[in-house]
Amino acid sequence: MLGIFYVILIFLLGRELAPGTVRLRPWLLLPVSFGTGTLVMGWGTYLVSLLASVCLGAEKPLFYGNLIVMGGACVILAFLYVKRMREGRISGTSFKTCLGILRKSRRENTGEIIFFGILLIFISWTMFYVFHVKDGALYSGFSVFGDYAPHTAMIRSFSWGNNFPTQYPHFGGEDVKYHFMFQFLAGNLEYLGLRIDIAYNLISILALEGFLMMLYMLAARITGMRRAGVLGIVFFFFRSGTAFFRFVWEHIKAGDLWTVLAENTSFIGYTPNEDWGLWNYNVYLNQRHLAFGLLIVCIALWIYLDWVEETADASEKGIRWLRKRFFTKNAWKCKRIETALLVGMMLGMTSFWNGAAVIGGLLILAGFGIFSDGKLDYALTAAAAIIFSLLQSKIFIQGEAMELSFYWGFLAEDKSLGGVLWYILLVSGIYFAGLLFVFFFLKRKGRIILLSFLFPAVFAFFISLTPDINVNHKYVMLSYAFLTMFWAWAAVSLWKRNWIGRIAALGLALCLTVTGIYDFVVILKDNDENHRVSVQLDSPLSRWISENLDKGDLILTPEYSINEVTMSGEMLYCGWPYYAWSAGYDTNDRAAKATEIYTTDSQDRLRALVEEEKITYILFEEGMEFEQNVCREDVIARTYPLVYRSEDGRIRIYET
């Protein structure tokens, strides 16, 4: 199947792009190959398809994008392999050597192979548990379908449609302000023959598995303990917090603890929007593109750890060491200009895969740079990343990509310093507060890295980049993910001491995971067969809309989230408003005009609004309301011809 072949090409091309230092380390080579290969293949396919659509007027631009990029990748790989064969680097002897290396690697890494195998099974199970196809219907769990609504619409806009130049399907007719390349990749794989759930889940599994492989390798390198890498990943899945302890205490007093534990299907929380699942594994299940962004960030951090380690190993102590980080030539001069530029380009290319991950990664690198020599390398990386991001923004976005503003306190209701600190304690439990204690037991390298990992979380409490401050939770989650290694190091260190240390390690692990474990139980309950949204994968309505609307069309509908209309991949005038509003679109203006179109008694006013907003189709659903206003069909029916009626007569579409 072409979709699988495309993924294989991603790995093979990514391997050629991987530095030689990682090629004999499988837990580096696999994620690096997937990350870099995806960026190159993904952008290549998108840009060729864009040119085919805009310049050649191609109705199926992905055909040309895949033909040229997949064909080009095959030619490049064939050329490299033939060249190596002629040079004697690929032969029977070299093949036997490779087999020997693999056998040795298997013996030395048996534990890691088992661990990552279990991890792969767990991630695959959870991804398909919340998003899968069965009997021709696409099922999305209750805790995730809200995010999947715009994502599946975007996926279908590429696999079924011609979304070039790219628009946001829930707010069609304008630019795209939201990172969409991960959805483009899934859409391209569906176009190449993979079923939508397999396409989306496959790249999500590879992205999260790759990120966690890199996180494991970073933890092992930074702490010097492989066990810290394993335990850190456990802490990654099951968050720290005070919510479970308070929840249990309240229901013990009420006398209904066991009943509530058995019946509850909602995330627990006592801070604003904590019950959305802002802080647990559910984030990685519904925002699949975040893991891919973090994978790329990990690659950048792995490279720049060389700078940190060289600086941390310096012989100076105290203030003298710190002074040399700013007031010497070595503190500023470039060490590896080419590497710095390539890392910056890689991060910049990730901006429209997940912009929050890129910003968080640059913040961590800023922390590295403050305490490392070679500061101009960091500056070059940041500059290259920003330039590439701005170039993409100029292509995709009209106006400003972000609205930078000072916003103190994030979601804390009490904005005083004490109130914000109390909020952090309630949300994370001992996690962030306890790291201040862990800090004093670390050596210089560990302290530099711990402080740097805190930068994204600090950023979340001071700066807002979007109308919805809730999205800043990604920066806190980013810090949380990377800081797990230090708590893992602390727990493993305690375990090694004596029986008292082991008891303390178990208690620490329990405090750090029990809230997250209960959150995971809720994920399973809230996404079981009784808690899922279903939509027909290939309904007559979806097919009719896809086949009869062109890329320049705009359809007015009720404020749909996910249904057969959104699964057509065509552009909605005003879908569910939260998605578009949080991405920076003016949803209030469109909602007001849509309400007037659906409720007006004037044909002239109807025609004027429809023409002004460039709406080409109007969908009316039996008994519908819009913004709690009763809608009328008679004026629309007198003004425009009926072009579609569903079999049950519930849906009617008029062409303007």
Foldseek 3Di string as FASTA:
>chain_A
DVLVVLQVLQLLVQLVVDDPVCNLPVLQSLLSSNQVSCLVLLVQLVVQLLCCCPVVVDFQSSVRSCVVSVVVSVVVSVVVVVVCVVVVCDDPVNVVVVVVSVVVCCVVCVVVVVLLVVVLVVLLCLLCLQWHDDPQKTKHFQLALLLVLQLLLQLLCNLLARQHVHDRQQAPPAFHLAQRSLSPQLSSSVNVPDASSCSNSVVLSSLQSSLLSLLLVVLCVLLVDSLLSSQLVVLLQFFFFCFVVVVQVVCVVVVCNVVCLVPDQWATADFPPVRSVLAHPSCCSNLSLLSSLSSLLSVLVVVCVVQLVVLLPDPDDDPVSLCCCPPDPQNAAADDQVVLLVSLQSLLSCCSSPVLSSVLSLLLLVLSSSNGGRNVSSVNSVVNSVVSNVVVCVVGPDDDSWDKDWAAQQRQPDRDPVSSVVVCCRGRPCQPVVVVVLLVVDGPSSNSNLVSLCRLVVCLRTIDTWPDSSVSSSSVSSSSSSCSSSLSSQLVVLCPPDPVSPVVSVVSSCNGGVSRVSVVVSSSVSSHPVRIDMERQDDPVLVVCSVPDHQQAEEEEAQARHYSPSSSSHHYNHHNPVVVRRSPDDRVVSLVLSQCLFAPPDLVSNVVSCVVSVHFKYKDFPQDDRPNHTGDCPSVVVNFPWDDADPVRGMTMTGD
